[in-house]
Structures are given as structure tokens and as C-alpha cells.
């Protein structure tokens, strides 16, 4: 799951650079597994940063 969350963030990063002058935002939906929430949020943010 962590890899797919990172990939979603990275895709948003690529789109933002290509179409939005680098501007971006993040949105989390409900239904979290609280045991994995921290690492998934970190993975998403790293993807959003282009990592």
C-alpha cells in the first residue's frame, strides 16, 4: 500500500509541474488503518515532493 500511495503523490507532483506551475495540494479520504496512517501519509508527501 505504501508504494501505491507514494505513486499517487508522485503522479500529482508530475501533473503539478507540467500543468500547474508546480502548485499542488493533497487530500485524504476517510477509512484509515491507523496503524499504517503515518507511513502512508509520509509516502504520499514524499511522492508529492517528487521523491
Protein backbone atom coordinates (compact mmCIF):
# COMPACT_ATOMS: atom_id res chain seq x y z
CA UNK A 1 0.00 0.00 0.00
CA UNK A 2 2.79 2.39 0.88
CA UNK A 3 4.25 2.14 -2.65
CA UNK A 4 0.90 2.86 -4.29
CA UNK A 5 0.31 5.86 -2.02
CA UNK A 6 3.74 7.20 -2.95
CA UNK A 7 2.95 6.66 -6.63
CA UNK A 8 -0.27 8.66 -6.36
CA UNK A 9 1.65 11.53 -4.75
CA UNK A 10 4.32 11.33 -7.44
CA UNK A 11 1.73 11.43 -10.23
CA UNK A 12 0.25 14.56 -8.64
CA UNK A 13 3.76 16.06 -8.49
CA UNK A 14 4.35 15.38 -12.20
CA UNK A 15 0.98 16.86 -13.15
CA UNK A 16 1.59 19.94 -11.00
CA UNK A 17 4.97 20.61 -12.58
CA UNK A 18 3.67 20.06 -16.10
CA UNK A 19 0.33 21.85 -15.91
CA UNK A 20 0.09 24.00 -12.76
CA UNK A 21 3.45 25.79 -12.47
CA UNK A 22 4.36 23.45 -9.60
CA UNK A 23 1.33 24.29 -7.46
CA UNK A 24 -0.29 21.29 -5.81
CA UNK A 25 -2.48 20.17 -2.95
CA UNK A 26 -3.22 16.96 -1.10
CA UNK A 27 -6.48 15.44 0.07
CA UNK A 28 -7.00 12.45 2.33
CA UNK A 29 -10.19 10.41 2.21
CA UNK A 30 -11.65 8.50 5.18
CA UNK A 31 -11.39 4.85 6.19
CA UNK A 32 -7.84 4.85 7.55
CA UNK A 33 -5.92 1.98 9.04
CA UNK A 34 -4.44 3.96 11.93
CA UNK A 35 -1.54 1.54 12.33
CA UNK A 36 -0.29 2.45 8.84
CA UNK A 37 -1.56 6.02 8.54
CA UNK A 38 1.72 7.74 9.46
CA UNK A 39 3.89 5.86 6.99
CA UNK A 40 1.29 6.20 4.22
CA UNK A 41 0.98 9.96 4.75
CA UNK A 42 4.78 10.22 4.66
CA UNK A 43 4.94 8.13 1.47
CA UNK A 44 2.30 10.35 -0.15
CA UNK A 45 4.12 13.54 0.85
CA UNK A 46 7.42 12.20 -0.46
CA UNK A 47 5.75 11.40 -3.78
CA UNK A 48 4.18 14.84 -3.85
CA UNK A 49 7.67 16.30 -3.40
CA UNK A 50 8.88 14.27 -6.39
CA UNK A 51 10.73 11.53 -4.49
